[in-house]
Amino acid sequence: MSKNSSIGAGIGIGNIIAVVVSWTANHSILWALIHGVLGWLYIVYYVLLVR
């Protein structure tokens, strides 16, 4: 596995987790898409400040 594919996989996983967490919390497709773009930033925000 090359370094570039590892980075791409990490970004993809972060986006998927952000969408799932956002959908669970908000039940909004728009927010899920926005949080999916933000990825890991939203996950860190959610874990530190919301939860």
PDB file of N, CA and C in Angstrom:
ATOM      1  N   MET A   1       0.854  -1.170   0.000  1.00  0.00           N
ATOM      2  CA  MET A   1       0.000   0.000   0.000  1.00  0.00           C
ATOM      3  C   MET A   1       0.900   1.232   0.000  1.00  0.00           C
ATOM      4  N   SER A   2       0.667   2.111  -0.938  1.00  0.00           N
ATOM      5  CA  SER A   2       1.486   3.307  -1.026  1.00  0.00           C
ATOM      6  C   SER A   2       0.966   4.385  -0.085  1.00  0.00           C
ATOM      7  N   LYS A   3       1.793   5.388   0.114  1.00  0.00           N
ATOM      8  CA  LYS A   3       1.429   6.481   1.017  1.00  0.00           C
ATOM      9  C   LYS A   3       0.192   7.219   0.516  1.00  0.00           C
ATOM     10  N   ASN A   4       0.084   7.462  -0.770  1.00  0.00           N
ATOM     11  CA  ASN A   4      -1.057   8.188  -1.320  1.00  0.00           C
ATOM     12  C   ASN A   4      -2.366   7.428  -1.125  1.00  0.00           C
ATOM     13  N   SER A   5      -2.353   6.114  -1.297  1.00  0.00           N
ATOM     14  CA  SER A   5      -3.593   5.364  -1.111  1.00  0.00           C
ATOM     15  C   SER A   5      -3.989   5.318   0.363  1.00  0.00           C
ATOM     16  N   SER A   6      -3.033   5.354   1.267  1.00  0.00           N
ATOM     17  CA  SER A   6      -3.348   5.404   2.694  1.00  0.00           C
ATOM     18  C   SER A   6      -4.013   6.722   3.051  1.00  0.00           C
ATOM     19  N   ILE A   7      -3.508   7.802   2.518  1.00  0.00           N
ATOM     20  CA  ILE A   7      -4.092   9.113   2.786  1.00  0.00           C
ATOM     21  C   ILE A   7      -5.497   9.178   2.206  1.00  0.00           C
ATOM     22  N   GLY A   8      -5.681   8.701   1.017  1.00  0.00           N
ATOM     23  CA  GLY A   8      -7.004   8.694   0.393  1.00  0.00           C
ATOM     24  C   GLY A   8      -7.989   7.853   1.169  1.00  0.00           C
ATOM     25  N   ALA A   9      -7.562   6.718   1.678  1.00  0.00           N
ATOM     26  CA  ALA A   9      -8.442   5.854   2.461  1.00  0.00           C
ATOM     27  C   ALA A   9      -8.817   6.529   3.775  1.00  0.00           C
ATOM     28  N   GLY A  10      -7.896   7.210   4.401  1.00  0.00           N
ATOM     29  CA  GLY A  10      -8.186   7.913   5.651  1.00  0.00           C
ATOM     30  C   GLY A  10      -9.181   9.027   5.463  1.00  0.00           C
ATOM     31  N   ILE A  11      -9.056   9.757   4.388  1.00  0.00           N
ATOM     32  CA  ILE A  11      -9.999  10.839   4.106  1.00  0.00           C
ATOM     33  C   ILE A  11     -11.377  10.256   3.826  1.00  0.00           C
ATOM     34  N   GLY A  12     -11.452   9.184   3.101  1.00  0.00           N
ATOM     35  CA  GLY A  12     -12.727   8.550   2.792  1.00  0.00           C
ATOM     36  C   GLY A  12     -13.427   8.036   4.031  1.00  0.00           C
ATOM     37  N   ILE A  13     -12.691   7.421   4.905  1.00  0.00           N
ATOM     38  CA  ILE A  13     -13.264   6.897   6.145  1.00  0.00           C
ATOM     39  C   ILE A  13     -13.760   8.041   7.021  1.00  0.00           C
ATOM     40  N   GLY A  14     -13.003   9.111   7.108  1.00  0.00           N
ATOM     41  CA  GLY A  14     -13.424  10.274   7.890  1.00  0.00           C
ATOM     42  C   GLY A  14     -14.713  10.876   7.358  1.00  0.00           C
ATOM     43  N   ASN A  15     -14.843  10.941   6.045  1.00  0.00           N
ATOM     44  CA  ASN A  15     -16.054  11.492   5.443  1.00  0.00           C
ATOM     45  C   ASN A  15     -17.262  10.606   5.729  1.00  0.00           C
ATOM     46  N   ILE A  16     -17.085   9.312   5.622  1.00  0.00           N
ATOM     47  CA  ILE A  16     -18.187   8.381   5.875  1.00  0.00           C
ATOM     48  C   ILE A  16     -18.630   8.459   7.331  1.00  0.00           C
ATOM     49  N   ILE A  17     -17.682   8.486   8.249  1.00  0.00           N
ATOM     50  CA  ILE A  17     -18.021   8.581   9.672  1.00  0.00           C
ATOM     51  C   ILE A  17     -18.746   9.894   9.949  1.00  0.00           C
ATOM     52  N   ALA A  18     -18.273  10.992   9.359  1.00  0.00           N
ATOM     53  CA  ALA A  18     -18.904  12.290   9.574  1.00  0.00           C
ATOM     54  C   ALA A  18     -20.345  12.292   9.073  1.00  0.00           C
ATOM     55  N   VAL A  19     -20.593  11.694   7.923  1.00  0.00           N
ATOM     56  CA  VAL A  19     -21.954  11.639   7.381  1.00  0.00           C
ATOM     57  C   VAL A  19     -22.860  10.817   8.289  1.00  0.00           C
ATOM     58  N   VAL A  20     -22.377   9.682   8.744  1.00  0.00           N
ATOM     59  CA  VAL A  20     -23.192   8.820   9.611  1.00  0.00           C
ATOM     60  C   VAL A  20     -23.495   9.514  10.935  1.00  0.00           C
ATOM     61  N   VAL A  21     -22.499  10.123  11.549  1.00  0.00           N
ATOM     62  CA  VAL A  21     -22.705  10.821  12.825  1.00  0.00           C
ATOM     63  C   VAL A  21     -23.664  11.996  12.628  1.00  0.00           C
ATOM     64  N   SER A  22     -23.474  12.745  11.563  1.00  0.00           N
ATOM     65  CA  SER A  22     -24.334  13.881  11.284  1.00  0.00           C
ATOM     66  C   SER A  22     -25.771  13.437  11.048  1.00  0.00           C
ATOM     67  N   TRP A  23     -25.963  12.387  10.264  1.00  0.00           N
ATOM     68  CA  TRP A  23     -27.314  11.907   9.997  1.00  0.00           C
ATOM     69  C   TRP A  23     -27.984  11.428  11.288  1.00  0.00           C
ATOM     70  N   THR A  24     -27.218  10.728  12.132  1.00  0.00           N
ATOM     71  CA  THR A  24     -27.759  10.240  13.393  1.00  0.00           C
ATOM     72  C   THR A  24     -28.164  11.396  14.306  1.00  0.00           C
ATOM     73  N   ALA A  25     -27.375  12.450  14.319  1.00  0.00           N
ATOM     74  CA  ALA A  25     -27.648  13.577  15.207  1.00  0.00           C
ATOM     75  C   ALA A  25     -28.719  14.513  14.657  1.00  0.00           C
ATOM     76  N   ASN A  26     -28.748  14.737  13.329  1.00  0.00           N
ATOM     77  CA  ASN A  26     -29.591  15.787  12.771  1.00  0.00           C
ATOM     78  C   ASN A  26     -30.731  15.299  11.872  1.00  0.00           C
ATOM     79  N   HIS A  27     -30.625  14.116  11.315  1.00  0.00           N
ATOM     80  CA  HIS A  27     -31.602  13.598  10.346  1.00  0.00           C
ATOM     81  C   HIS A  27     -31.833  14.577   9.199  1.00  0.00           C
ATOM     82  N   SER A  28     -30.749  15.154   8.689  1.00  0.00           N
ATOM     83  CA  SER A  28     -30.822  16.112   7.594  1.00  0.00           C
ATOM     84  C   SER A  28     -29.800  15.751   6.526  1.00  0.00           C
ATOM     85  N   ILE A  29     -30.267  15.593   5.308  1.00  0.00           N
ATOM     86  CA  ILE A  29     -29.351  15.267   4.212  1.00  0.00           C
ATOM     87  C   ILE A  29     -28.395  16.425   3.957  1.00  0.00           C
ATOM     88  N   LEU A  30     -28.896  17.657   4.018  1.00  0.00           N
ATOM     89  CA  LEU A  30     -28.043  18.821   3.778  1.00  0.00           C
ATOM     90  C   LEU A  30     -26.897  18.878   4.781  1.00  0.00           C
ATOM     91  N   TRP A  31     -27.201  18.732   6.072  1.00  0.00           N
ATOM     92  CA  TRP A  31     -26.142  18.763   7.087  1.00  0.00           C
ATOM     93  C   TRP A  31     -25.187  17.579   6.924  1.00  0.00           C
ATOM     94  N   ALA A  32     -25.731  16.426   6.575  1.00  0.00           N
ATOM     95  CA  ALA A  32     -24.872  15.258   6.374  1.00  0.00           C
ATOM     96  C   ALA A  32     -23.884  15.502   5.241  1.00  0.00           C
ATOM     97  N   LEU A  33     -24.331  16.130   4.161  1.00  0.00           N
ATOM     98  CA  LEU A  33     -23.418  16.446   3.045  1.00  0.00           C
ATOM     99  C   LEU A  33     -22.357  17.462   3.454  1.00  0.00           C
ATOM    100  N   ILE A  34     -22.785  18.499   4.154  1.00  0.00           N
ATOM    101  CA  ILE A  34     -21.827  19.519   4.610  1.00  0.00           C
ATOM    102  C   ILE A  34     -20.795  18.897   5.542  1.00  0.00           C
ATOM    103  N   HIS A  35     -21.253  18.103   6.507  1.00  0.00           N
ATOM    104  CA  HIS A  35     -20.325  17.482   7.448  1.00  0.00           C
ATOM    105  C   HIS A  35     -19.453  16.431   6.762  1.00  0.00           C
ATOM    106  N   GLY A  36     -19.978  15.784   5.719  1.00  0.00           N
ATOM    107  CA  GLY A  36     -19.174  14.838   4.959  1.00  0.00           C
ATOM    108  C   GLY A  36     -18.004  15.523   4.267  1.00  0.00           C
ATOM    109  N   VAL A  37     -18.227  16.732   3.784  1.00  0.00           N
ATOM    110  CA  VAL A  37     -17.142  17.495   3.159  1.00  0.00           C
ATOM    111  C   VAL A  37     -16.107  17.889   4.201  1.00  0.00           C
ATOM    112  N   LEU A  38     -16.559  18.256   5.380  1.00  0.00           N
ATOM    113  CA  LEU A  38     -15.631  18.657   6.445  1.00  0.00           C
ATOM    114  C   LEU A  38     -14.899  17.459   7.054  1.00  0.00           C
ATOM    115  N   GLY A  39     -15.511  16.283   6.996  1.00  0.00           N
ATOM    116  CA  GLY A  39     -14.876  15.038   7.427  1.00  0.00           C
ATOM    117  C   GLY A  39     -14.397  15.043   8.857  1.00  0.00           C
ATOM    118  N   TRP A  40     -13.089  14.869   9.031  1.00  0.00           N
ATOM    119  CA  TRP A  40     -12.503  14.714  10.364  1.00  0.00           C
ATOM    120  C   TRP A  40     -12.701  15.949  11.230  1.00  0.00           C
ATOM    121  N   LEU A  41     -12.796  17.127  10.640  1.00  0.00           N
ATOM    122  CA  LEU A  41     -13.031  18.334  11.445  1.00  0.00           C
ATOM    123  C   LEU A  41     -14.360  18.229  12.189  1.00  0.00           C
ATOM    124  N   TYR A  42     -15.383  17.760  11.511  1.00  0.00           N
ATOM    125  CA  TYR A  42     -16.684  17.602  12.165  1.00  0.00           C
ATOM    126  C   TYR A  42     -16.634  16.515  13.236  1.00  0.00           C
ATOM    127  N   ILE A  43     -15.929  15.445  12.976  1.00  0.00           N
ATOM    128  CA  ILE A  43     -15.835  14.358  13.958  1.00  0.00           C
ATOM    129  C   ILE A  43     -15.178  14.860  15.239  1.00  0.00           C
ATOM    130  N   VAL A  44     -14.085  15.585  15.109  1.00  0.00           N
ATOM    131  CA  VAL A  44     -13.391  16.137  16.288  1.00  0.00           C
ATOM    132  C   VAL A  44     -14.308  17.109  17.022  1.00  0.00           C
ATOM    133  N   TYR A  45     -14.979  17.996  16.283  1.00  0.00           N
ATOM    134  CA  TYR A  45     -15.929  18.915  16.897  1.00  0.00           C
ATOM    135  C   TYR A  45     -17.012  18.171  17.659  1.00  0.00           C
ATOM    136  N   TYR A  46     -17.584  17.169  17.048  1.00  0.00           N
ATOM    137  CA  TYR A  46     -18.677  16.419  17.672  1.00  0.00           C
ATOM    138  C   TYR A  46     -18.209  15.723  18.958  1.00  0.00           C
ATOM    139  N   VAL A  47     -17.045  15.095  18.897  1.00  0.00           N
ATOM    140  CA  VAL A  47     -16.544  14.357  20.060  1.00  0.00           C
ATOM    141  C   VAL A  47     -16.164  15.308  21.200  1.00  0.00           C
ATOM    142  N   LEU A  48     -15.552  16.408  20.882  1.00  0.00           N
ATOM    143  CA  LEU A  48     -15.076  17.322  21.932  1.00  0.00           C
ATOM    144  C   LEU A  48     -16.157  18.231  22.492  1.00  0.00           C
ATOM    145  N   LEU A  49     -17.062  18.722  21.643  1.00  0.00           N
ATOM    146  CA  LEU A  49     -17.977  19.755  22.097  1.00  0.00           C
ATOM    147  C   LEU A  49     -19.444  19.338  22.203  1.00  0.00           C
ATOM    148  N   VAL A  50     -19.886  18.433  21.382  1.00  0.00           N
ATOM    149  CA  VAL A  50     -21.298  18.073  21.377  1.00  0.00           C
ATOM    150  C   VAL A  50     -21.578  16.934  22.330  1.00  0.00           C
ATOM    151  N   ARG A  51     -20.790  15.939  22.279  1.00  0.00           N
ATOM    152  CA  ARG A  51     -21.002  14.747  23.061  1.00  0.00           C
ATOM    153  C   ARG A  51     -20.562  14.992  24.438  1.00  0.00           C
TER     154      ARG A  51
END
